[in-house]
Amino acid sequence: MKLLSWNVNGIRAVLKKGLVEFIQKTKPDILCLQETKAAPEQVELEFPGYRQYWNSAEKKGYAGTVIFTKTEPLSVKNDMGIAEHDREGRVIAAEYADFFLVNVYTPNAKRDLSRLDYRIKWDIDFLKYLKKLEKKKPVIFCGDLNVAHTEIDLTNPKANVGNHGFTPEERAGFGNIVKKGFIDTFREFQKEGGHYTWWSQIGNARSRNVGWRIDYFCISAALRPRLKEAFILPEVLGSDHCPIGIVLK
């Protein structure tokens, strides 16, 4: 079973840059997209063999998530049920026979850190939400978490200490996820730095591989025996992020 995740930075834009061809080539069983910036009625999109589940932000052209899945879920629920978090289309949970899949687009703390306090609250509430789901069955969650966890997850850690995406608070938020038993799948297979999922659009950052790893697939420990592979696809263009994925037995 192949699962892919990608922050597309606008689904309408990436449709013009090869999204359909990407899906046809990679043939994921489940594809989670973040930062769709659209409602489904704004997008002419048919992927034969896939069901679509959207969660769009109230604000037009902002945030949003969607799941494309070959297997019909047992249930699909948008949002966490917390009013202050549930207006931006950031969470979709699809329940399958033996796990929950959560597609998430974590809020950015903003360059001036004006949203850092909100982000800290989000991290606490999102972890509680995951643990609540996990009481029922194991959880896979994926998406743009807007944080580089450790120094090897970005090219210039010393220069970015305290910057949004690399504040102690945001890093601790992801650290708490790991402490509570969720596994960062990519680090199960690759312990070295130099592997990134987002690059600034200025200064030829991508061609120089000056980047950040801020997109993740994490799984409950109970699913670790089924994890065969975790990977990043930096050669796939169309967004300032690249797709990531896992393969489960």
Foldseek 3Di string as FASTA:
>chain_A
DKEKEEAQLAQVQLVVVQPLVVCVVVVGQKYKYKQNQADPVVDDDDDPQWDKDWFAAPDHRGIIMMMTHNDQFPDKDWDQPDVVGRRHHAWMWGHHDAEIEIEGDQDWCDQVSVCVVVSLVVLVSVLVSQVVRVVVHKYKYWYQNLAFQDPLQFDDLVVCEPGTRHDPSSNVSVVVSVVVAKDFLQCVPDVGHLDAFAFDPPDVCLVVSRHGHRITIIIHPVQVVFWDDWAWDSVDDNHRGGMIMTGGD
